[in-house]
Amino acid sequence: MAREFQRGHKAKISDLTAGTDLYVGVQIAAPGLTFDISCFGLDANEQLSDDRYFIFFNQPKSPEESIQLLGAQSGDTESFRVTLDRIPAAIQKLSFTATLDGAGQMSQIGPGYIRIVAGGEEVVRYAFSGSEFTTERAVMLGDFYLKDVWRFAAVGQGFDGGLDALLKNFGGEVAEEEAPPAPAAAAPGFAPPAQATAPPAFGAPAAPSAPQAPQPAPSFGAPSAPTPPPAPQQPVHTAPTIAAPLAPQAPSPYGQPQQPQFGQVPGQAAPPAAPFGQQAPAPYGQPAPAPYGQQPPGSMTPGAPQGVPQGVPATGAGLQAALQPYKETATGQRWTPQNQQLMRVDLTMGGAGVLARQGSMVMYQGKVDFGYKSAGFVGRAVGNATGQEMQLMRCTGRGQVFLAEEGSHLHPVELQGDGICISAENVLAFDESLQYEVRRVEGHGIPGGALFTMLFQGTGTVVVKTHGTPVVLPVTPTTFADCNAVVAWSAASQVIVSSQVRLRRNAYPGHSGETVNLQFRGAPGNFIVVQPYEV
């Protein structure tokens, strides 16, 4: 049975299917509108560093054919074949997008979806509709991304600027003029084996021999009706190149001698014309003309900046250039760091609310509701007794919330069913879908015989705040950390409290000066996070 995804949901491909040869289908339509559906193959920096991995109607496959455009079939507006184990190592992400060809907005579309089919069976579907969008003209529907293993994420985020803004987001640019598209190649004839003894390769069912109800998976192997070649696309970018205007001398009337320039002897040949794009030399005895866009020497207004064309506001271009590095960063993800001290969460993705530390909201956009998150009587009692109490607020609605606290460095940590232990003092915000509880760290030799921390488990993101840039260390049998500097550690690590309380401890040479340390043990893969600061 196919898993239904909401915006912001993510999962490992291996949790969805054992196959790596996948079918991706996109269904999107609106009355009177035309859509271009494409796939961007991006590098580790999420940039289109190789144009050969921009898969669209005019480039239907990648060089090694790991990504192929198949066309419309089985109820899908557009479909792709993706072979994950053939994608080169330089490609770390596949972004499937839809852009409007012509006027219109994504808010006009009807119900649509992006789905993955493997072995003839639909394994995941992300459904969307026009109510989720406003003025966008290009949207990112879903991503395959490599994070130790291939994963799938439902995105549903877009740009008002259409294809041009989408390309700029991926580091590409719109060509001045596009060549007429070549006729679309026929879809490759492939189908799953008759007897599946291993995980199926590419998942599309064979064409039915008799009329029957529509199948959820596409029919490969059956001869498809010839598809007429797509109509030539209009050039997307046709802005003319701006060049400096030339000011040639007007010719004399026919049959009359040309008037000599000032300082030129009558009958003497005019000086040779300057090369194209360069200034002509000044007549003898006259100052050289100023470069294009600048005023000639001696005509500058006292106190005015030099080198600035007339009519340009003094703070126009300079102000925009100064503020450009601080513009909002939009990545299409639910959690997006704006800088080291500011975090943005998009509540329109994922559906679930966010729990954040009270007073951490610095700005929000959209319709967002803030409510008090009560811990209950038992929760308050446990928090007061263990020092792991968190005063939280619940953020819900449709909008973006910006979070920060006292200039602390913020780090989003994504959990995929695993767990992490974090001190409550170092938690800024987290998805409400995560489970959390107070965990006791056993030990001896200290008052109470124990320390406490918060354990977060499940699927979602928790934002950790630190003083300065932390360091992540692997856990070994000889790993010790000051309990006042450690921020977090993997939930599978074994933690032992090591006490060094002694009489006249300062008399012992080589003593660290710390009375309580934590010793960590665990299998390879466990870690601890330590900040350069003691609470």
Protein backbone atom coordinates (compact mmCIF):
# COMPACT_ATOMS: atom_id res chain seq x y z
CA MET A 1 0.00 0.00 0.00
CA ALA A 2 1.39 3.42 -0.93
CA ARG A 3 2.43 5.74 1.87
CA GLU A 4 0.74 9.14 1.80
CA PHE A 5 3.22 11.98 2.37
CA GLN A 6 2.50 15.52 3.49
CA ARG A 7 4.65 18.54 2.69
CA GLY A 8 7.96 18.22 4.53
CA HIS A 9 7.80 14.44 5.10
CA LYS A 10 10.99 12.48 4.42
CA ALA A 11 11.93 8.81 4.33
CA LYS A 12 14.74 6.52 3.24
CA ILE A 13 14.18 4.91 -0.14
CA SER A 14 15.21 1.58 1.40
CA ASP A 15 12.28 1.91 3.83
CA LEU A 16 9.89 2.34 0.90
CA THR A 17 11.20 -0.32 -1.50
CA ALA A 18 14.13 -2.67 -1.99
CA GLY A 19 14.44 -1.68 -5.65
CA THR A 20 16.72 1.04 -7.04
CA ASP A 21 15.20 1.30 -10.55
CA LEU A 22 12.25 3.59 -9.94
CA TYR A 23 9.43 5.27 -11.83
CA VAL A 24 8.52 8.83 -10.85
CA GLY A 25 5.18 10.17 -12.06
CA VAL A 26 3.89 13.75 -11.81
CA GLN A 27 0.28 14.78 -12.34
CA ILE A 28 -0.46 18.53 -12.51
CA ALA A 29 -3.07 20.38 -14.58
CA ALA A 30 -5.17 23.53 -14.71
CA PRO A 31 -7.66 24.83 -17.29
CA GLY A 32 -5.90 26.83 -19.98
CA LEU A 33 -2.41 26.43 -18.45
CA THR A 34 0.65 24.57 -19.76
CA PHE A 35 3.37 23.12 -17.53
CA ASP A 36 7.01 22.16 -18.05
CA ILE A 37 8.09 19.36 -15.71
CA SER A 38 11.83 18.88 -15.26
CA CYS A 39 14.46 17.19 -13.09
CA PHE A 40 17.60 18.96 -11.85
CA GLY A 41 20.64 16.84 -10.96
CA LEU A 42 22.47 18.88 -8.29
CA ASP A 43 25.88 18.56 -6.66
CA ALA A 44 26.75 18.57 -2.94
CA ASN A 45 26.20 22.35 -2.83
CA GLU A 46 22.72 21.95 -4.40
CA GLN A 47 23.92 23.64 -7.58
CA LEU A 48 23.50 22.64 -11.22
CA SER A 49 27.24 22.33 -11.87
CA ASP A 50 26.74 20.09 -14.93
CA ASP A 51 24.12 21.20 -17.47
CA ARG A 52 23.86 17.64 -18.80
CA TYR A 53 21.87 16.74 -15.67
CA PHE A 54 19.10 19.25 -16.36
CA ILE A 55 16.52 16.78 -17.72
CA PHE A 56 13.67 18.38 -19.64
CA PHE A 57 11.88 18.08 -23.00
CA ASN A 58 14.92 19.21 -24.98
CA GLN A 59 17.38 16.97 -23.07
CA PRO A 60 15.46 13.80 -22.19
CA LYS A 61 18.23 11.81 -20.47
CA SER A 62 21.52 12.11 -18.60
CA PRO A 63 24.80 10.91 -20.18
CA GLU A 64 24.78 7.48 -18.51
CA GLU A 65 20.93 7.29 -18.74
CA SER A 66 20.46 7.08 -14.98
CA ILE A 67 17.71 9.75 -15.35
CA GLN A 68 15.32 9.51 -18.30
CA LEU A 69 12.28 11.55 -19.32
CA LEU A 70 9.55 9.16 -20.46
CA GLY A 71 6.62 11.44 -21.28
CA ALA A 72 2.94 11.32 -20.36
CA GLN A 73 1.51 7.88 -19.53
CA SER A 74 -0.71 6.02 -17.07
CA GLY A 75 -2.54 9.17 -16.03
CA ASP A 76 0.67 11.08 -15.28
CA THR A 77 1.32 14.43 -16.94
CA GLU A 78 5.04 13.58 -17.06
CA SER A 79 7.09 10.60 -15.94
CA PHE A 80 10.74 9.75 -15.33
CA ARG A 81 12.87 6.67 -14.91
CA VAL A 82 15.49 6.99 -12.14
CA THR A 83 18.15 4.30 -11.60
CA LEU A 84 19.72 5.23 -8.28
CA ASP A 85 22.69 2.84 -8.41
CA ARG A 86 23.81 4.35 -11.75
CA ILE A 87 23.77 8.00 -10.69
CA PRO A 88 27.36 9.34 -10.58
CA ALA A 89 28.87 10.30 -7.23
CA ALA A 90 28.97 13.99 -8.18
CA ILE A 91 25.15 14.12 -8.24
CA GLN A 92 23.86 14.29 -4.66
CA LYS A 93 20.28 15.45 -5.23
CA LEU A 94 17.48 15.16 -7.80
CA SER A 95 14.87 17.92 -7.66
CA PHE A 96 11.63 17.37 -9.61
CA THR A 97 10.02 20.69 -10.53
CA ALA A 98 7.03 22.11 -12.41
CA THR A 99 6.97 25.55 -14.05
CA LEU A 100 4.22 27.45 -15.84
CA ASP A 101 4.73 28.06 -19.54
CA GLY A 102 3.02 31.41 -19.99
CA ALA A 103 0.76 33.45 -17.73
CA GLY A 104 -0.90 32.05 -14.63
CA GLN A 105 -0.21 31.04 -11.03
CA MET A 106 0.13 27.75 -9.19
CA SER A 107 -2.91 28.64 -7.08
CA GLN A 108 -5.03 27.83 -10.17
CA ILE A 109 -4.03 24.15 -10.37
CA GLY A 110 -6.33 21.32 -9.42
CA PRO A 111 -5.45 18.29 -7.29
CA GLY A 112 -2.11 16.80 -8.35
CA TYR A 113 0.62 14.52 -7.05
CA ILE A 114 4.14 13.20 -7.40
CA ARG A 115 4.49 9.45 -6.86
CA ILE A 116 7.14 6.71 -6.86
CA VAL A 117 6.47 3.28 -8.36
CA ALA A 118 8.73 0.26 -7.85
CA GLY A 119 8.17 -3.25 -9.15
CA GLY A 120 4.80 -2.27 -10.59
CA GLU A 121 3.54 -1.07 -7.20
CA GLU A 122 3.11 2.51 -6.04
CA VAL A 123 5.11 2.93 -2.82
CA VAL A 124 4.72 6.62 -1.98
CA ARG A 125 2.56 9.55 -3.08
CA TYR A 126 2.65 13.25 -2.18
CA ALA A 127 -0.66 14.92 -3.12
CA PHE A 128 -1.01 18.69 -3.45
CA SER A 129 -3.51 21.25 -4.75
CA GLY A 130 -3.69 24.92 -5.67
CA SER A 131 -4.81 25.88 -2.17
CA GLU A 132 -1.25 25.25 -0.96
CA PHE A 133 0.17 27.94 -3.26
CA THR A 134 -0.44 31.63 -3.97
CA THR A 135 1.50 33.55 -6.65
CA GLU A 136 4.19 30.94 -7.36
CA ARG A 137 4.94 30.18 -11.01
CA ALA A 138 7.56 27.47 -10.38
CA VAL A 139 7.47 24.83 -7.62
CA MET A 140 9.81 22.14 -6.34
CA LEU A 141 7.57 19.10 -5.88
CA GLY A 142 9.87 16.42 -4.46
CA ASP A 143 13.56 15.61 -3.97
CA PHE A 144 15.73 12.51 -4.01
CA TYR A 145 18.75 13.40 -1.89
CA LEU A 146 21.82 11.44 -0.76
CA LYS A 147 22.47 11.54 2.97
CA ASP A 148 24.51 8.37 3.63
CA VAL A 149 21.68 6.63 1.70
CA TRP A 150 19.17 7.87 -0.88
CA ARG A 151 16.07 9.46 0.64
CA PHE A 152 12.88 11.09 -0.65
CA ALA A 153 11.37 14.37 0.60
CA ALA A 154 8.03 16.00 -0.27
CA VAL A 155 8.85 19.70 -0.79
CA GLY A 156 5.96 21.72 -2.27
CA GLN A 157 7.78 25.09 -2.28
CA GLY A 158 8.14 27.54 -5.16
CA PHE A 159 9.18 30.85 -6.64
CA ASP A 160 7.14 33.75 -7.98
CA GLY A 161 9.73 34.41 -10.70
CA GLY A 162 9.06 31.17 -12.59
CA LEU A 163 11.77 29.26 -14.46
CA ASP A 164 14.23 32.15 -14.30
CA ALA A 165 14.12 32.27 -10.48
CA LEU A 166 14.25 28.48 -10.28
CA LEU A 167 17.39 28.32 -12.42
CA LYS A 168 19.08 31.06 -10.43
CA ASN A 169 18.31 29.16 -7.22
CA PHE A 170 20.18 26.16 -8.65
CA GLY A 171 23.06 28.26 -9.98
CA GLY A 172 22.01 28.10 -13.64
CA GLU A 173 20.96 30.79 -16.09
CA VAL A 174 18.37 31.16 -18.83
CA ALA A 175 19.80 31.03 -22.34
CA GLU A 176 19.30 33.99 -24.65
CA GLU A 177 17.61 31.87 -27.30
CA GLU A 178 16.63 28.23 -27.26
CA ALA A 179 16.95 25.98 -30.27
CA PRO A 180 13.79 24.23 -31.53
CA PRO A 181 13.29 21.03 -29.57
CA ALA A 182 14.05 17.71 -31.19
CA PRO A 183 11.25 15.15 -31.50
CA ALA A 184 10.76 13.32 -28.23
CA ALA A 185 12.26 9.84 -28.18
CA ALA A 186 9.96 6.91 -27.54
CA ALA A 187 9.89 5.50 -24.01
CA PRO A 188 12.26 2.56 -23.56
CA GLY A 189 10.55 -0.79 -23.67
CA PHE A 190 11.30 -2.44 -20.39
CA ALA A 191 9.18 -4.38 -17.91
CA PRO A 192 9.65 -6.41 -14.70
CA PRO A 193 10.65 -10.09 -15.12
CA ALA A 194 7.90 -12.70 -15.35
CA GLN A 195 8.97 -14.44 -12.14
CA ALA A 196 10.35 -12.05 -9.57
CA THR A 197 12.99 -13.97 -7.61
CA ALA A 198 14.85 -10.85 -6.46
CA PRO A 199 13.83 -7.29 -5.59
CA PRO A 200 12.18 -5.88 -8.74
CA ALA A 201 14.22 -3.59 -10.92
CA PHE A 202 12.19 -0.83 -12.50
CA GLY A 203 8.57 -0.88 -11.41
CA ALA A 204 6.05 -0.64 -14.19
CA PRO A 205 3.38 -3.28 -15.00
CA ALA A 206 2.96 -4.80 -18.43
CA ALA A 207 0.11 -3.58 -20.61
CA PRO A 208 -3.14 -5.44 -19.84
CA SER A 209 -4.40 -7.74 -22.59
CA ALA A 210 -8.08 -6.96 -21.90
CA PRO A 211 -9.82 -3.74 -20.82
CA GLN A 212 -9.77 -3.36 -17.07
CA ALA A 213 -9.73 -0.70 -14.39
CA PRO A 214 -6.84 1.82 -14.55
CA GLN A 215 -3.70 0.50 -12.92
CA PRO A 216 -1.84 2.63 -10.36
CA ALA A 217 1.47 1.90 -12.09
CA PRO A 218 2.45 2.81 -15.65
CA SER A 219 2.37 0.22 -18.43
CA PHE A 220 5.81 -0.33 -19.87
CA GLY A 221 6.56 -2.79 -22.64
CA ALA A 222 3.29 -2.15 -24.48
CA PRO A 223 3.52 -0.21 -27.74
CA SER A 224 2.46 3.33 -27.03
CA ALA A 225 0.70 5.61 -29.42
CA PRO A 226 3.05 8.02 -31.14
CA THR A 227 3.19 11.26 -29.33
CA PRO A 228 3.25 14.41 -31.50
CA PRO A 229 6.38 16.45 -31.02
CA PRO A 230 5.93 19.32 -28.60
CA ALA A 231 5.38 22.75 -30.04
CA PRO A 232 8.45 24.96 -30.16
CA GLN A 233 8.81 26.90 -26.96
CA GLN A 234 8.98 30.65 -26.96
CA PRO A 235 12.33 32.05 -25.85
CA VAL A 236 12.20 32.46 -22.11
CA HIS A 237 14.73 35.25 -21.89
CA THR A 238 14.82 37.79 -24.71
CA ALA A 239 16.10 40.88 -22.97
CA PRO A 240 18.52 42.70 -25.31
CA THR A 241 22.10 43.22 -24.31
CA ILE A 242 22.66 46.79 -23.19
CA ALA A 243 25.60 48.51 -24.88
CA ALA A 244 26.93 52.04 -24.69
CA PRO A 245 25.32 54.26 -27.36
CA LEU A 246 27.63 55.57 -30.04
CA ALA A 247 27.41 59.21 -31.15
CA PRO A 248 28.79 59.38 -34.70
CA GLN A 249 29.01 62.73 -36.45
CA ALA A 250 26.09 63.45 -38.73
CA PRO A 251 27.09 63.29 -42.43
CA SER A 252 27.11 66.46 -44.54
CA PRO A 253 24.45 66.98 -47.19
CA TYR A 254 25.19 65.30 -50.49
CA GLY A 255 27.55 67.32 -52.68
CA GLN A 256 28.74 69.66 -49.92
CA PRO A 257 32.11 69.48 -48.20
CA GLN A 258 32.14 68.34 -44.62
CA GLN A 259 32.75 71.13 -42.12
CA PRO A 260 36.12 70.79 -40.40
CA GLN A 261 36.19 70.29 -36.68
CA PHE A 262 37.42 73.00 -34.42
CA GLY A 263 41.21 73.14 -34.66
CA GLN A 264 41.33 71.14 -37.90
CA VAL A 265 42.89 72.67 -41.04
CA PRO A 266 40.45 72.86 -44.00
CA GLY A 267 41.24 70.18 -46.54
CA GLN A 268 43.04 68.05 -44.03
CA ALA A 269 41.81 64.49 -43.71
CA ALA A 270 39.78 63.70 -40.66
CA PRO A 271 41.51 61.60 -37.99
CA PRO A 272 40.93 57.88 -38.26
CA ALA A 273 37.88 56.51 -36.47
CA ALA A 274 38.46 54.85 -33.13
CA PRO A 275 38.04 51.05 -32.83
CA PHE A 276 34.53 49.88 -31.98
CA GLY A 277 33.70 50.39 -28.32
CA GLN A 278 36.60 52.83 -27.65
CA GLN A 279 36.65 56.59 -27.33
CA ALA A 280 37.84 58.61 -30.33
CA PRO A 281 40.98 60.72 -29.73
CA ALA A 282 40.35 64.38 -28.93
CA PRO A 283 41.27 67.05 -31.51
CA TYR A 284 44.60 68.73 -31.02
CA GLY A 285 44.55 71.26 -28.22
CA GLN A 286 41.35 69.96 -26.61
CA PRO A 287 41.00 67.80 -23.48
CA ALA A 288 40.18 64.13 -23.90
CA PRO A 289 36.48 63.29 -23.59
CA ALA A 290 35.34 61.62 -20.38
CA PRO A 291 34.51 57.88 -20.43
CA TYR A 292 30.92 56.94 -21.08
CA GLY A 293 28.68 57.50 -18.06
CA GLN A 294 31.04 59.98 -16.36
CA GLN A 295 31.17 63.74 -16.39
CA PRO A 296 34.09 65.54 -18.04
CA PRO A 297 36.79 66.97 -15.80
CA GLY A 298 35.98 70.37 -14.43
CA SER A 299 32.21 69.91 -14.65
CA MET A 300 31.80 67.96 -11.40
CA THR A 301 29.47 69.40 -8.82
CA PRO A 302 31.38 70.26 -5.63
CA GLY A 303 30.84 67.56 -3.03
CA ALA A 304 29.29 65.06 -5.49
CA PRO A 305 30.83 61.55 -5.67
CA GLN A 306 32.97 60.93 -8.71
CA GLY A 307 32.27 58.09 -11.15
CA VAL A 308 28.48 58.08 -10.55
CA PRO A 309 26.23 58.67 -13.61
CA GLN A 310 23.85 61.61 -13.42
CA GLY A 311 20.31 60.80 -12.39
CA VAL A 312 21.25 57.74 -10.28
CA PRO A 313 20.17 58.01 -6.63
CA ALA A 314 23.15 58.25 -4.32
CA THR A 315 21.98 55.34 -2.15
CA GLY A 316 20.18 53.15 -4.73
CA ALA A 317 22.55 50.50 -6.05
CA GLY A 318 24.91 50.84 -3.10
CA LEU A 319 22.19 50.13 -0.56
CA GLN A 320 20.97 47.06 -2.41
CA ALA A 321 24.49 45.72 -2.74
CA ALA A 322 25.14 46.28 0.96
CA LEU A 323 21.99 44.41 2.03
CA GLN A 324 22.27 41.56 -0.51
CA PRO A 325 24.36 39.25 1.76
CA TYR A 326 21.68 39.44 4.47
CA LYS A 327 18.64 38.48 2.39
CA GLU A 328 16.38 35.71 3.60
CA THR A 329 17.55 32.24 2.64
CA ALA A 330 14.85 29.96 1.18
CA THR A 331 15.85 26.34 0.51
CA GLY A 332 12.45 24.66 0.34
CA GLN A 333 13.12 22.84 3.63
CA ARG A 334 11.09 23.02 6.84
CA TRP A 335 14.08 24.21 8.93
CA THR A 336 16.49 26.69 7.31
CA PRO A 337 19.42 28.43 9.10
CA GLN A 338 19.51 32.09 8.05
CA ASN A 339 22.92 32.52 9.69
CA GLN A 340 24.71 31.02 12.67
CA GLN A 341 22.38 32.69 15.20
CA LEU A 342 18.99 32.75 13.39
CA MET A 343 16.73 29.83 12.43
CA ARG A 344 13.61 29.87 10.23
CA VAL A 345 10.90 27.21 10.44
CA ASP A 346 8.21 26.97 7.75
CA LEU A 347 4.99 25.81 9.42
CA THR A 348 3.32 25.19 6.05
CA MET A 349 5.58 22.14 5.63
CA GLY A 350 5.04 18.97 7.60
CA GLY A 351 1.63 19.79 9.05
CA ALA A 352 2.65 19.33 12.70
CA GLY A 353 3.33 22.26 15.00
CA VAL A 354 6.61 23.35 16.55
CA LEU A 355 7.51 23.66 20.23
CA ALA A 356 9.96 26.47 20.93
CA ARG A 357 11.45 28.08 24.00
CA GLN A 358 9.28 30.95 25.24
CA GLY A 359 10.61 34.32 24.09
CA SER A 360 12.72 32.87 21.26
CA MET A 361 10.50 34.25 18.46
CA VAL A 362 12.10 37.34 16.87
CA MET A 363 9.85 37.66 13.77
CA TYR A 364 7.17 35.77 11.88
CA GLN A 365 5.31 36.00 8.57
CA GLY A 366 1.88 34.66 7.70
CA LYS A 367 -0.95 33.44 9.92
CA VAL A 368 0.79 31.93 12.94
CA ASP A 369 -0.78 31.15 16.31
CA PHE A 370 1.31 31.05 19.50
CA GLY A 371 0.04 29.17 22.54
CA TYR A 372 1.38 28.21 25.93
CA LYS A 373 2.60 24.60 26.15
CA SER A 374 1.79 23.28 29.60
CA ALA A 375 4.01 20.54 31.00
CA GLY A 376 1.37 19.49 33.51
CA PHE A 377 1.78 19.05 37.23
CA VAL A 378 3.98 15.95 36.92
CA GLY A 379 6.11 17.52 34.20
CA ARG A 380 6.72 20.65 36.28
CA ALA A 381 7.61 18.57 39.31
CA VAL A 382 10.07 16.43 37.34
CA GLY A 383 11.57 19.51 35.68
CA ASN A 384 12.09 21.31 38.97
CA ALA A 385 13.63 18.22 40.59
CA THR A 386 16.01 17.40 37.73
CA GLY A 387 16.84 20.86 36.38
CA GLN A 388 15.52 19.82 32.95
CA GLU A 389 12.45 22.05 32.88
CA MET A 390 11.64 23.79 29.58
CA GLN A 391 9.24 26.71 29.29
CA LEU A 392 7.74 26.09 25.83
CA MET A 393 5.30 27.70 23.44
CA ARG A 394 3.42 25.97 20.61
CA CYS A 395 3.66 27.52 17.12
CA THR A 396 0.96 26.49 14.62
CA GLY A 397 -0.64 27.86 11.47
CA ARG A 398 0.63 28.73 7.98
CA GLY A 399 3.69 30.94 7.94
CA GLN A 400 7.36 31.24 8.78
CA VAL A 401 8.73 31.82 12.28
CA PHE A 402 12.26 33.12 12.95
CA LEU A 403 13.86 31.92 16.20
CA ALA A 404 16.97 33.03 18.11
CA GLU A 405 18.17 33.43 21.69
CA GLU A 406 20.95 35.65 23.02
CA GLY A 407 23.11 35.22 19.92
CA SER A 408 23.66 31.50 20.53
CA HIS A 409 24.85 29.37 17.63
CA LEU A 410 21.97 27.22 16.32
CA HIS A 411 22.26 23.75 14.77
CA PRO A 412 19.29 21.78 13.33
CA VAL A 413 19.61 18.04 14.04
CA GLU A 414 17.36 15.79 11.95
CA LEU A 415 16.24 12.51 13.54
CA GLN A 416 15.13 9.58 11.39
CA GLY A 417 13.79 7.20 14.03
CA ASP A 418 16.96 7.44 16.16
CA GLY A 419 17.57 9.29 19.42
CA ILE A 420 19.83 11.93 20.94
CA CYS A 421 20.40 13.14 24.49
CA ILE A 422 20.51 16.93 24.93
CA SER A 423 20.58 19.08 28.01
CA ALA A 424 17.37 21.10 28.32
CA GLU A 425 19.47 24.26 28.56
CA ASN A 426 20.72 23.63 25.00
CA VAL A 427 17.32 23.04 23.33
CA LEU A 428 15.80 25.95 21.41
CA ALA A 429 12.96 24.32 19.45
CA PHE A 430 11.82 20.99 18.02
CA ASP A 431 9.05 19.37 15.99
CA GLU A 432 6.02 18.46 18.07
CA SER A 433 6.09 14.99 16.48
CA LEU A 434 9.20 14.07 18.52
CA GLN A 435 8.91 12.21 21.81
CA TYR A 436 10.97 13.58 24.70
CA GLU A 437 11.53 12.63 28.32
CA VAL A 438 13.98 13.15 31.18
CA ARG A 439 16.73 10.52 31.34
CA ARG A 440 18.85 9.80 34.39
CA VAL A 441 22.62 9.37 34.13
CA GLU A 442 23.78 6.93 36.78
CA GLY A 443 26.89 7.60 38.82
CA HIS A 444 28.39 7.67 42.28
CA GLY A 445 30.38 10.03 44.39
CA ILE A 446 28.23 13.13 43.74
CA PRO A 447 25.23 14.44 45.66
CA GLY A 448 22.13 12.53 44.62
CA GLY A 449 24.22 9.97 42.72
CA ALA A 450 22.96 11.04 39.29
CA LEU A 451 22.80 13.68 36.56
CA PHE A 452 19.86 14.25 34.20
CA THR A 453 19.37 15.05 30.52
CA MET A 454 16.58 15.14 27.90
CA LEU A 455 16.13 12.23 25.47
CA PHE A 456 14.57 13.04 22.07
CA GLN A 457 13.37 10.21 19.80
CA GLY A 458 11.31 9.78 16.65
CA THR A 459 11.22 11.48 13.25
CA GLY A 460 11.69 15.23 13.13
CA THR A 461 14.16 18.02 13.84
CA VAL A 462 15.47 19.45 17.10
CA VAL A 463 17.41 22.74 17.13
CA VAL A 464 20.42 22.71 19.46
CA LYS A 465 21.94 25.97 20.69
CA THR A 466 25.56 26.33 21.76
CA HIS A 467 27.92 29.04 22.94
CA GLY A 468 30.37 29.22 20.05
CA THR A 469 31.15 26.56 17.48
CA PRO A 470 30.97 23.05 19.00
CA VAL A 471 33.12 20.03 18.27
CA VAL A 472 31.78 16.52 17.60
CA LEU A 473 33.99 13.66 18.85
CA PRO A 474 33.62 9.89 18.40
CA VAL A 475 33.05 7.88 21.54
CA THR A 476 35.99 5.75 22.69
CA PRO A 477 36.69 3.97 26.00
CA THR A 478 38.92 6.91 26.98
CA THR A 479 36.50 9.74 26.14
CA PHE A 480 35.84 12.09 29.06
CA ALA A 481 33.98 15.43 29.04
CA ASP A 482 33.20 18.12 31.57
CA CYS A 483 29.52 17.81 32.47
CA ASN A 484 29.20 21.62 32.31
CA ALA A 485 30.53 21.79 28.72
CA VAL A 486 28.99 18.73 27.07
CA VAL A 487 25.91 19.60 24.98
CA ALA A 488 24.61 16.32 23.57
CA TRP A 489 25.48 12.71 22.85
CA SER A 490 24.05 9.76 20.94
CA ALA A 491 21.32 7.91 22.81
CA ALA A 492 23.11 4.57 22.44
CA SER A 493 26.20 5.77 24.31
CA GLN A 494 26.85 4.50 27.81
CA VAL A 495 27.52 7.38 30.21
CA ILE A 496 29.31 6.97 33.54
CA VAL A 497 29.79 9.77 36.08
CA SER A 498 33.41 9.99 37.15
CA SER A 499 34.00 11.89 40.42
CA GLN A 500 37.37 13.32 41.46
CA VAL A 501 36.34 14.80 44.83
CA ARG A 502 39.33 14.51 47.17
CA LEU A 503 40.69 16.27 50.23
CA ARG A 504 43.22 18.94 49.35
CA ARG A 505 42.80 18.09 45.67
CA ASN A 506 44.71 21.19 44.66
CA ALA A 507 47.82 19.73 46.18
CA TYR A 508 47.88 16.96 43.60
CA PRO A 509 49.87 17.98 40.52
CA GLY A 510 48.14 17.38 37.18
CA HIS A 511 44.63 17.64 38.55
CA SER A 512 42.14 19.12 36.02
CA GLY A 513 40.33 21.22 38.61
CA GLU A 514 36.99 19.61 37.64
CA THR A 515 35.15 17.70 40.35
CA VAL A 516 32.74 15.79 38.07
CA ASN A 517 33.44 14.40 34.59
CA LEU A 518 31.41 12.17 32.30
CA GLN A 519 32.97 9.09 30.75
CA PHE A 520 31.44 7.87 27.48
CA ARG A 521 31.51 4.34 26.08
CA GLY A 522 29.82 2.84 23.08
CA ALA A 523 30.09 1.03 19.77
CA PRO A 524 31.61 2.77 16.74
CA GLY A 525 29.28 5.42 15.39
CA ASN A 526 28.42 6.97 18.75
CA PHE A 527 29.39 10.59 19.37
CA ILE A 528 29.41 13.48 21.82
CA VAL A 529 29.02 17.24 21.19
CA VAL A 530 31.06 19.66 23.32
CA GLN A 531 30.89 23.46 23.25
CA PRO A 532 33.80 25.83 24.03
CA TYR A 533 31.97 27.17 27.06
CA GLU A 534 31.00 26.03 30.55
CA VAL A 535 27.44 26.62 31.67
